[in-house]
Amino acid sequence: MSIRREMEIRLQEAFNPSRLEVVDDSDSHIGHAGHDGQGESHFNVMIRAEVFAGMNRVAQHRAVHKALGDIVPRIHALALDIGS
């Protein structure tokens, strides 16, 4: 299973989002640090879920990182766009 798909499943299960987009942006980073030529190194995540309402930005990011668990150390970069 791809890392992108693993991320989608974990975020869906953890937050039941109203909107979720996980984009593998690795090809935009060819030649940059952390890109090994195999892809699945740089991701952009846009997630909207009611659970994030009232949480500050740091708490939102911590919640997403916790839900992704062991995926985070396997990738080089993760850009998050979080909201309720």
Protein backbone atom coordinates (compact mmCIF):
# COMPACT_ATOMS: atom_id res chain seq x y z
CA MET A 1 0.00 0.00 0.00
CA SER A 2 1.28 3.46 -0.83
CA ILE A 3 2.17 5.93 1.92
CA ARG A 4 -0.42 8.33 0.51
CA ARG A 5 -3.15 5.70 0.89
CA GLU A 6 -1.99 4.80 4.42
CA MET A 7 -2.20 8.48 5.35
CA GLU A 8 -5.73 8.77 3.94
CA ILE A 9 -6.93 5.74 5.88
CA ARG A 10 -5.41 6.81 9.19
CA LEU A 11 -6.69 10.39 8.92
CA GLN A 12 -10.16 9.20 7.90
CA GLU A 13 -10.32 6.81 10.86
CA ALA A 14 -8.96 9.33 13.38
CA PHE A 15 -10.95 12.42 12.39
CA ASN A 16 -13.89 11.46 10.13
CA PRO A 17 -13.16 14.59 8.08
CA SER A 18 -15.70 16.43 5.98
CA ARG A 19 -12.90 17.02 3.48
CA LEU A 20 -9.54 15.34 3.04
CA GLU A 21 -6.91 15.68 0.34
CA VAL A 22 -3.54 13.96 0.55
CA VAL A 23 -1.24 14.97 -2.30
CA ASP A 24 2.12 13.34 -3.01
CA ASP A 25 4.18 16.38 -4.02
CA SER A 26 7.48 14.50 -4.27
CA ASP A 27 8.00 15.16 -7.97
CA SER A 28 8.12 18.91 -7.25
CA HIS A 29 11.20 18.29 -5.10
CA ILE A 30 13.39 16.30 -7.46
CA GLY A 31 16.98 17.29 -6.75
CA HIS A 32 16.17 18.69 -3.30
CA ALA A 33 17.13 17.24 0.06
CA GLY A 34 15.08 14.28 1.14
CA HIS A 35 14.05 13.22 -2.36
CA ASP A 36 15.62 9.85 -3.08
CA GLY A 37 14.19 9.52 -6.58
CA GLN A 38 11.61 6.97 -5.51
CA GLY A 39 8.83 9.40 -4.57
CA GLU A 40 6.57 9.40 -1.55
CA SER A 41 8.83 11.78 0.34
CA HIS A 42 6.89 15.09 0.31
CA PHE A 43 3.18 15.42 1.08
CA ASN A 44 0.56 18.15 1.31
CA VAL A 45 -2.48 17.38 3.47
CA MET A 46 -5.66 19.44 3.57
CA ILE A 47 -8.10 18.24 6.21
CA ARG A 48 -11.35 19.67 7.57
CA ALA A 49 -12.97 18.07 10.61
CA GLU A 50 -15.14 19.29 13.46
CA VAL A 51 -12.72 17.84 16.00
CA PHE A 52 -10.28 20.65 15.16
CA ALA A 53 -12.73 23.41 16.18
CA GLY A 54 -11.40 25.20 19.23
CA MET A 55 -7.96 23.62 19.01
CA ASN A 56 -4.98 25.89 18.51
CA ARG A 57 -2.66 25.31 15.58
CA VAL A 58 -0.04 23.41 17.59
CA ALA A 59 -2.68 21.06 19.03
CA GLN A 60 -4.09 20.44 15.54
CA HIS A 61 -0.66 19.57 14.16
CA ARG A 62 0.11 17.31 17.12
CA ALA A 63 -3.20 15.48 16.61
CA VAL A 64 -2.46 14.86 12.94
CA HIS A 65 1.09 13.72 13.65
CA LYS A 66 -0.21 11.36 16.35
CA ALA A 67 -2.79 9.89 13.95
CA LEU A 68 -0.12 9.36 11.28
CA GLY A 69 2.17 7.70 13.82
CA ASP A 70 5.05 5.78 12.27
CA ILE A 71 4.43 7.29 8.83
CA VAL A 72 5.92 10.65 9.83
CA PRO A 73 9.51 9.40 10.25
CA ARG A 74 9.28 7.63 6.87
CA ILE A 75 8.73 10.85 4.92
CA HIS A 76 10.84 13.98 4.46
CA ALA A 77 8.24 16.76 4.43
CA LEU A 78 4.61 17.22 5.46
CA ALA A 79 2.68 20.43 4.81
CA LEU A 80 -0.59 20.67 6.73
CA ASP A 81 -3.67 22.79 6.05
CA ILE A 82 -6.03 22.05 8.94
CA GLY A 83 -9.45 23.47 9.76
CA SER A 84 -12.89 22.67 11.06
